[in-house]
Amino acid sequence: MVNFLFSRNPVSDFENKLTCLVKSVIPYFYPEKKTNGLNDIPSFEHPVLVTNNPIINFLNFMDAKNKLKKLDLKGLEWTYNNLEDEYSKEMMLHVIVYNLFEEVKLRFPLYYSNYFDKILNYQKLAIDDQEISLWNGLIKFKKYDLNALGYDVKLWYSAGGVLIEFILEQYRYKNIVTIEENDNIIDGGACYGDTALYFATKTKGKIFSFEFMKENLDIFKMNLELNPKYKNRIELIEQPLGLKTNEKLYSVFNGPGTSISNNKIPNAIEFETISIDDYIKLNNIEKIDFIKLDVEGSEEAILKGATETIRKFKPKLAICVYHKKDDLIVLPKLIKEILPEYRLYFNHYTILNTETVMYAKV
């Protein structure tokens, strides 16, 4: 007789951890929109709606378990097992669980810190009341002086951006993946120049910043003018990175989320790409020590276009892994395929599903 108790496929330790985490966070669900007249939607004053109804919790738990089954758990487990420390692994579990839910949301664990208090404090660093309105008014920048935070930097930016880039240090992982004194850096997806200025406070080497959208470049150049002491270290390349050089791409401005397409689209601007490998060779750059990529879904192509550079110089990597659903599987595997000696680390920097970074260091 078949013993049905032992006939089912065993559940991996990785899947068990995900299931346990789902169960523990289920009570902290909340609806994005008001439901049944409820007014206790999370806000600055009331950040979390705790769901005490056991039936709702059970239904949410079963829904989450069904969504878990639809994920490529083997692929995610490969990434999880290839992370070097327990913090990276725990944070990856949280990110996976957070991303399970679409109609009903969880607040990411950072929400429960003094995240918003910090943003309110950093707003006080604004030099004056001037504002720049971007992205049809959805983004408003003020001019900040960061000397009080230990950075000799002034820039047009947001208080939340200051927190992520300069305080939480999105492109640094503990004391493991850091910018060293003479590092040369590829700054892929340089946007407003905020990361370039952060890097410039850490290294005396060169920062090669790639940005191609006029609206972003305008702010970048304003920020360079505010920081003349760093201008000779930051080289702004007004061109998108890509898998190959001279590949035609098309883009419509979408603020910091601007992305590119191989297909011609209405009202798009045409650009020609350059690969990291070709840029390094064409400009006789002697070394690259650090590559940062936040390129709205083009990370895979750009990494492939940097294969020779990575194998030759073995730079530290800080690669965003939140733009595509399979980034957590595809990008770390690609990094290890290019250079198997890389050790991988992982962190996340907002209360939402953005600013998730995979790090690599030999």
Protein backbone atom coordinates (compact mmCIF):
# COMPACT_ATOMS: atom_id res chain seq x y z
CA MET A 1 0.00 0.00 0.00
CA VAL A 2 1.27 3.48 -0.85
CA ASN A 3 1.88 5.64 2.16
CA PHE A 4 0.27 8.87 0.99
CA LEU A 5 1.71 10.74 3.94
CA PHE A 6 5.16 10.50 2.36
CA SER A 7 4.23 10.39 -1.31
CA ARG A 8 4.11 14.16 -1.96
CA ASN A 9 7.19 15.95 -3.16
CA PRO A 10 9.21 17.33 -0.27
CA VAL A 11 9.12 21.11 0.17
CA SER A 12 12.52 22.78 0.15
CA ASP A 13 13.83 24.77 3.08
CA PHE A 14 13.72 27.85 0.84
CA GLU A 15 10.00 27.39 0.10
CA ASN A 16 9.30 26.72 3.77
CA LYS A 17 10.96 30.00 4.72
CA LEU A 18 8.90 31.89 2.15
CA THR A 19 5.68 30.30 3.41
CA CYS A 20 6.52 31.12 7.04
CA LEU A 21 7.31 34.72 6.12
CA VAL A 22 4.03 35.06 4.23
CA LYS A 23 2.15 33.77 7.27
CA SER A 24 3.90 36.20 9.60
CA VAL A 25 3.20 39.30 7.52
CA ILE A 26 -0.36 38.50 6.41
CA PRO A 27 -1.99 40.51 9.28
CA TYR A 28 -0.31 43.65 7.93
CA PHE A 29 -2.22 43.64 4.67
CA TYR A 30 -4.11 46.74 3.72
CA PRO A 31 -6.23 47.75 0.70
CA GLU A 32 -4.70 50.36 -1.57
CA LYS A 33 -8.14 51.95 -1.96
CA LYS A 34 -10.82 52.54 0.61
CA THR A 35 -13.00 49.45 0.93
CA ASN A 36 -16.43 49.19 2.59
CA GLY A 37 -16.15 52.74 3.85
CA LEU A 38 -12.92 52.12 5.74
CA ASN A 39 -10.88 55.23 6.36
CA ASP A 40 -7.94 53.62 8.15
CA ILE A 41 -5.75 53.43 5.05
CA PRO A 42 -2.02 53.62 5.91
CA SER A 43 -0.67 57.15 6.04
CA PHE A 44 2.05 59.09 7.81
CA GLU A 45 -0.10 59.18 10.94
CA HIS A 46 -1.51 55.63 10.68
CA PRO A 47 1.00 53.61 8.67
CA VAL A 48 -0.41 50.11 9.00
CA LEU A 49 -3.85 48.54 8.97
CA VAL A 50 -3.66 45.33 11.01
CA THR A 51 -6.17 42.75 9.82
CA ASN A 52 -7.37 40.77 12.84
CA ASN A 53 -10.14 38.90 11.04
CA PRO A 54 -8.97 35.26 10.92
CA ILE A 55 -11.07 34.47 7.84
CA ILE A 56 -9.53 37.35 5.85
CA ASN A 57 -6.07 36.34 7.02
CA PHE A 58 -6.65 32.73 5.99
CA LEU A 59 -7.95 33.71 2.54
CA ASN A 60 -5.01 36.05 2.01
CA PHE A 61 -2.62 33.33 3.10
CA MET A 62 -4.07 30.78 0.67
CA ASP A 63 -3.99 33.36 -2.13
CA ALA A 64 -0.34 34.05 -1.39
CA LYS A 65 0.50 30.32 -1.34
CA ASN A 66 -1.11 29.90 -4.75
CA LYS A 67 0.93 32.79 -6.10
CA LEU A 68 4.08 31.27 -4.65
CA LYS A 69 3.47 28.11 -6.68
CA LYS A 70 3.43 30.16 -9.89
CA LEU A 71 6.91 31.55 -9.28
CA ASP A 72 10.09 29.98 -10.62
CA LEU A 73 11.01 28.79 -7.15
CA LYS A 74 13.96 26.73 -8.37
CA GLY A 75 15.43 29.75 -10.09
CA LEU A 76 14.88 31.96 -7.06
CA GLU A 77 16.32 29.28 -4.79
CA TRP A 78 19.47 29.20 -6.94
CA THR A 79 19.93 32.93 -6.36
CA TYR A 80 19.16 32.59 -2.66
CA ASN A 81 21.71 29.80 -2.23
CA ASN A 82 24.37 31.81 -4.04
CA LEU A 83 24.10 34.80 -1.72
CA GLU A 84 27.04 35.11 0.64
CA ASP A 85 25.48 36.19 3.92
CA GLU A 86 22.32 35.72 5.94
CA TYR A 87 21.30 39.36 5.73
CA SER A 88 21.23 39.18 1.93
CA LYS A 89 19.18 35.99 2.07
CA GLU A 90 16.68 37.35 4.55
CA MET A 91 16.21 40.56 2.56
CA MET A 92 15.67 38.57 -0.63
CA LEU A 93 12.91 36.56 1.07
CA HIS A 94 11.19 39.81 2.07
CA VAL A 95 11.40 41.18 -1.46
CA ILE A 96 9.91 38.01 -2.96
CA VAL A 97 7.03 38.02 -0.48
CA TYR A 98 6.37 41.73 -1.00
CA ASN A 99 6.18 41.25 -4.75
CA LEU A 100 3.61 38.45 -4.45
CA PHE A 101 0.82 40.91 -3.84
CA GLU A 102 -0.64 43.28 -6.39
CA GLU A 103 -4.24 44.15 -5.54
CA VAL A 104 -3.60 43.97 -1.81
CA LYS A 105 -0.30 45.39 -0.62
CA LEU A 106 2.16 44.96 2.18
CA ARG A 107 4.34 47.71 3.50
CA PHE A 108 7.97 46.73 3.19
CA PRO A 109 9.76 46.33 6.57
CA LEU A 110 11.57 49.65 6.17
CA TYR A 111 8.17 51.28 6.62
CA TYR A 112 8.25 50.40 10.28
CA SER A 113 11.50 52.24 10.84
CA ASN A 114 11.77 56.01 11.17
CA TYR A 115 11.85 56.20 7.38
CA PHE A 116 9.39 59.06 7.05
CA ASP A 117 10.79 60.95 10.03
CA LYS A 118 14.15 60.93 8.26
CA ILE A 119 12.65 62.26 5.04
CA LEU A 120 10.97 65.09 6.94
CA ASN A 121 14.29 65.89 8.60
CA TYR A 122 16.17 65.93 5.31
CA GLN A 123 13.63 68.31 3.82
CA LYS A 124 15.02 70.86 6.28
CA LEU A 125 18.34 70.74 4.41
CA ALA A 126 16.79 72.64 1.50
CA ILE A 127 18.72 75.85 0.89
CA ASP A 128 15.64 77.93 0.01
CA ASP A 129 12.05 77.60 -1.22
CA GLN A 130 12.90 77.32 -4.92
CA GLU A 131 11.49 74.28 -6.69
CA ILE A 132 11.97 72.56 -10.02
CA SER A 133 8.89 70.76 -11.30
CA LEU A 134 9.54 67.61 -13.35
CA TRP A 135 7.61 64.84 -15.02
CA ASN A 136 4.41 66.89 -15.52
CA GLY A 137 4.59 68.11 -11.95
CA LEU A 138 4.71 64.67 -10.33
CA ILE A 139 8.27 65.25 -9.13
CA LYS A 140 9.42 68.40 -7.38
CA PHE A 141 13.08 69.01 -6.62
CA LYS A 142 14.60 71.47 -4.18
CA LYS A 143 18.19 72.55 -3.81
CA TYR A 144 19.86 70.72 -0.91
CA ASP A 145 23.09 71.35 0.97
CA LEU A 146 24.40 68.01 2.28
CA ASN A 147 27.33 69.31 4.33
CA ALA A 148 25.38 68.65 7.53
CA LEU A 149 25.31 64.97 6.46
CA GLY A 150 29.07 64.84 5.90
CA TYR A 151 28.99 65.34 2.12
CA ASP A 152 30.48 68.42 0.48
CA VAL A 153 27.67 68.44 -2.08
CA LYS A 154 24.86 70.75 -3.16
CA LEU A 155 22.26 69.39 -5.56
CA TRP A 156 18.76 69.63 -6.94
CA TYR A 157 17.01 66.50 -5.72
CA SER A 158 14.28 65.09 -3.45
CA ALA A 159 14.54 64.40 0.28
CA GLY A 160 13.72 60.74 -0.35
CA GLY A 161 16.50 60.55 -2.93
CA VAL A 162 18.95 62.09 -0.47
CA LEU A 163 18.02 59.41 2.06
CA ILE A 164 18.46 56.52 -0.39
CA GLU A 165 21.64 57.71 -2.14
CA PHE A 166 23.60 59.44 0.60
CA ILE A 167 22.38 58.03 3.92
CA LEU A 168 21.31 54.46 3.19
CA GLU A 169 24.01 54.41 0.47
CA GLN A 170 22.23 52.34 -2.13
CA TYR A 171 25.41 51.51 -4.06
CA ARG A 172 27.41 50.33 -1.06
CA TYR A 173 26.97 47.00 0.69
CA LYS A 174 28.14 47.21 4.31
CA ASN A 175 31.95 47.34 4.34
CA ILE A 176 32.15 44.68 1.63
CA VAL A 177 31.21 46.38 -1.64
CA THR A 178 32.43 49.95 -1.33
CA ILE A 179 33.94 52.77 -3.37
CA GLU A 180 37.67 52.99 -2.75
CA GLU A 181 39.94 56.01 -3.01
CA ASN A 182 41.12 55.61 -6.61
CA ASP A 183 38.25 53.67 -8.15
CA ASN A 184 37.21 54.35 -11.74
CA ILE A 185 33.44 53.94 -11.99
CA ILE A 186 30.86 53.25 -14.69
CA ASP A 187 27.68 55.08 -13.66
CA GLY A 188 25.05 53.50 -15.92
CA GLY A 189 21.72 55.33 -15.80
CA ALA A 190 23.14 58.50 -14.28
CA CYS A 191 19.81 60.37 -14.43
CA TYR A 192 20.16 63.64 -12.45
CA GLY A 193 23.82 63.28 -11.45
CA ASP A 194 23.04 62.32 -7.86
CA THR A 195 24.94 59.03 -7.98
CA ALA A 196 27.85 60.65 -9.83
CA LEU A 197 28.17 63.21 -7.03
CA TYR A 198 27.92 60.51 -4.37
CA PHE A 199 30.70 58.57 -6.09
CA ALA A 200 32.80 61.73 -6.48
CA THR A 201 32.85 62.20 -2.71
CA LYS A 202 34.30 58.70 -2.31
CA THR A 203 36.93 58.42 -5.05
CA LYS A 204 39.63 60.49 -6.70
CA GLY A 205 39.25 58.34 -9.80
CA LYS A 206 37.07 59.02 -12.84
CA ILE A 207 33.29 58.57 -12.97
CA PHE A 208 31.93 57.78 -16.44
CA SER A 209 28.25 58.75 -16.27
CA PHE A 210 25.93 57.61 -19.07
CA GLU A 211 22.67 59.51 -19.52
CA PHE A 212 20.77 60.33 -22.71
CA MET A 213 17.42 62.01 -21.94
CA LYS A 214 17.45 65.80 -22.24
CA GLU A 215 15.20 66.42 -19.22
CA ASN A 216 17.53 64.36 -17.02
CA LEU A 217 20.65 65.87 -18.56
CA ASP A 218 19.44 69.40 -17.81
CA ILE A 219 19.28 68.63 -14.08
CA PHE A 220 22.56 66.69 -14.23
CA LYS A 221 24.35 69.71 -15.71
CA MET A 222 22.80 72.06 -13.14
CA ASN A 223 24.08 69.76 -10.39
CA LEU A 224 27.56 69.73 -11.92
CA GLU A 225 27.56 73.54 -11.93
CA LEU A 226 26.70 73.51 -8.23
CA ASN A 227 29.74 71.28 -7.55
CA PRO A 228 32.69 72.62 -9.61
CA LYS A 229 35.23 70.77 -7.45
CA TYR A 230 33.99 67.44 -8.88
CA LYS A 231 33.55 68.46 -12.53
CA ASN A 232 36.98 67.25 -13.63
CA ARG A 233 36.27 63.79 -12.20
CA ILE A 234 32.82 63.30 -13.71
CA GLU A 235 32.67 62.61 -17.43
CA LEU A 236 29.14 62.85 -18.78
CA ILE A 237 28.50 60.67 -21.85
CA GLU A 238 25.20 61.65 -23.49
CA GLN A 239 24.47 58.22 -24.92
CA PRO A 240 22.64 55.08 -23.75
CA LEU A 241 24.58 51.95 -22.90
CA GLY A 242 23.64 48.75 -24.69
CA LEU A 243 24.61 45.25 -25.73
CA LYS A 244 26.26 46.55 -28.90
CA THR A 245 27.55 49.83 -30.26
CA ASN A 246 25.62 51.85 -32.86
CA GLU A 247 22.39 49.97 -32.21
CA LYS A 248 19.39 52.23 -32.87
CA LEU A 249 17.05 52.63 -29.92
CA TYR A 250 13.96 54.74 -29.31
CA SER A 251 12.72 56.42 -26.16
CA VAL A 252 9.91 58.62 -24.88
CA PHE A 253 10.67 60.63 -21.75
CA ASN A 254 9.21 59.16 -18.56
CA GLY A 255 11.19 60.90 -15.84
CA PRO A 256 13.49 58.63 -13.81
CA GLY A 257 11.65 55.62 -15.27
CA THR A 258 12.58 56.43 -18.87
CA SER A 259 13.33 53.23 -20.79
CA ILE A 260 14.36 52.37 -24.32
CA SER A 261 12.96 50.16 -27.05
CA ASN A 262 14.36 48.50 -30.16
CA ASN A 263 11.12 49.30 -31.99
CA LYS A 264 10.27 52.71 -33.35
CA ILE A 265 7.38 54.21 -31.39
CA PRO A 266 5.33 57.41 -31.86
CA ASN A 267 6.94 60.64 -30.59
CA ALA A 268 10.12 58.76 -29.70
CA ILE A 269 13.62 60.18 -29.94
CA GLU A 270 16.22 58.04 -31.72
CA PHE A 271 19.51 57.21 -30.01
CA GLU A 272 22.54 55.07 -30.78
CA THR A 273 23.95 52.87 -28.06
CA ILE A 274 27.50 52.13 -27.03
CA SER A 275 28.62 49.03 -25.14
CA ILE A 276 30.80 49.31 -22.06
CA ASP A 277 33.43 47.11 -23.72
CA ASP A 278 33.65 49.39 -26.76
CA TYR A 279 33.68 52.56 -24.69
CA ILE A 280 36.59 51.27 -22.61
CA LYS A 281 38.57 50.27 -25.71
CA LEU A 282 37.81 53.38 -27.76
CA ASN A 283 38.87 55.66 -24.91
CA ASN A 284 41.91 53.63 -23.77
CA ILE A 285 40.67 53.46 -20.20
CA GLU A 286 43.26 51.61 -18.14
CA LYS A 287 40.95 50.16 -15.49
CA ILE A 288 37.37 49.99 -14.24
CA ASP A 289 36.87 49.22 -10.56
CA PHE A 290 33.12 49.58 -10.09
CA ILE A 291 30.05 49.28 -12.33
CA LYS A 292 26.65 50.60 -11.23
CA LEU A 293 23.59 49.95 -13.41
CA ASP A 294 20.11 51.35 -12.88
CA VAL A 295 18.88 51.33 -16.47
CA GLU A 296 15.16 50.57 -16.34
CA GLY A 297 15.27 46.98 -17.59
CA SER A 298 18.34 47.10 -19.85
CA GLU A 299 20.65 45.66 -17.21
CA GLU A 300 20.94 42.24 -18.87
CA ALA A 301 21.92 43.60 -22.29
CA ILE A 302 24.39 46.09 -20.83
CA LEU A 303 26.06 43.44 -18.66
CA LYS A 304 26.49 41.25 -21.71
CA GLY A 305 28.04 44.23 -23.48
CA ALA A 306 30.51 44.56 -20.59
CA THR A 307 31.71 40.95 -20.57
CA GLU A 308 35.31 41.70 -21.63
CA THR A 309 35.57 44.60 -19.19
CA ILE A 310 34.29 42.49 -16.30
CA ARG A 311 36.57 39.55 -17.04
CA LYS A 312 39.60 41.78 -17.47
CA PHE A 313 39.20 44.16 -14.51
CA LYS A 314 36.90 42.18 -12.18
CA PRO A 315 35.12 45.34 -10.97
CA LYS A 316 32.73 45.47 -8.07
CA LEU A 317 29.12 45.50 -9.29
CA ALA A 318 25.95 47.16 -8.03
CA ILE A 319 23.15 46.13 -10.38
CA CYS A 320 19.47 47.02 -9.92
CA VAL A 321 17.28 43.92 -10.02
CA TYR A 322 13.72 45.25 -9.76
CA HIS A 323 12.73 46.36 -13.26
CA LYS A 324 11.73 42.95 -14.67
CA LYS A 325 9.97 40.06 -12.95
CA ASP A 326 12.80 37.62 -13.68
CA ASP A 327 15.65 39.98 -12.72
CA LEU A 328 16.24 38.12 -9.46
CA ILE A 329 17.00 34.98 -11.44
CA VAL A 330 18.44 36.15 -14.76
CA LEU A 331 20.85 38.85 -13.58
CA PRO A 332 22.69 36.99 -10.78
CA LYS A 333 23.08 33.93 -13.03
CA LEU A 334 24.49 36.13 -15.78
CA ILE A 335 26.91 37.77 -13.35
CA LYS A 336 28.20 34.36 -12.21
CA GLU A 337 28.42 33.11 -15.81
CA ILE A 338 30.56 36.08 -16.80
CA LEU A 339 32.82 35.73 -13.77
CA PRO A 340 32.26 32.66 -11.57
CA GLU A 341 34.55 34.05 -8.82
CA TYR A 342 32.05 36.76 -7.97
CA ARG A 343 30.46 36.62 -4.53
CA LEU A 344 26.89 37.94 -4.47
CA TYR A 345 25.10 40.18 -1.97
CA PHE A 346 21.63 41.71 -1.91
CA ASN A 347 19.78 44.65 -0.37
CA HIS A 348 16.65 46.76 -0.73
CA TYR A 349 16.21 50.48 0.02
CA THR A 350 12.58 51.64 -0.07
CA ILE A 351 9.20 50.82 1.43
CA LEU A 352 7.96 49.91 -2.06
CA ASN A 353 9.20 47.44 -4.69
CA THR A 354 11.88 49.76 -6.08
CA GLU A 355 15.61 50.24 -5.47
CA THR A 356 16.61 46.61 -5.04
CA VAL A 357 20.29 45.96 -5.73
CA MET A 358 22.42 42.87 -6.39
CA TYR A 359 26.10 43.36 -5.55
CA ALA A 360 29.09 41.36 -6.68
CA LYS A 361 32.70 41.32 -5.58
CA VAL A 362 35.59 38.96 -6.25
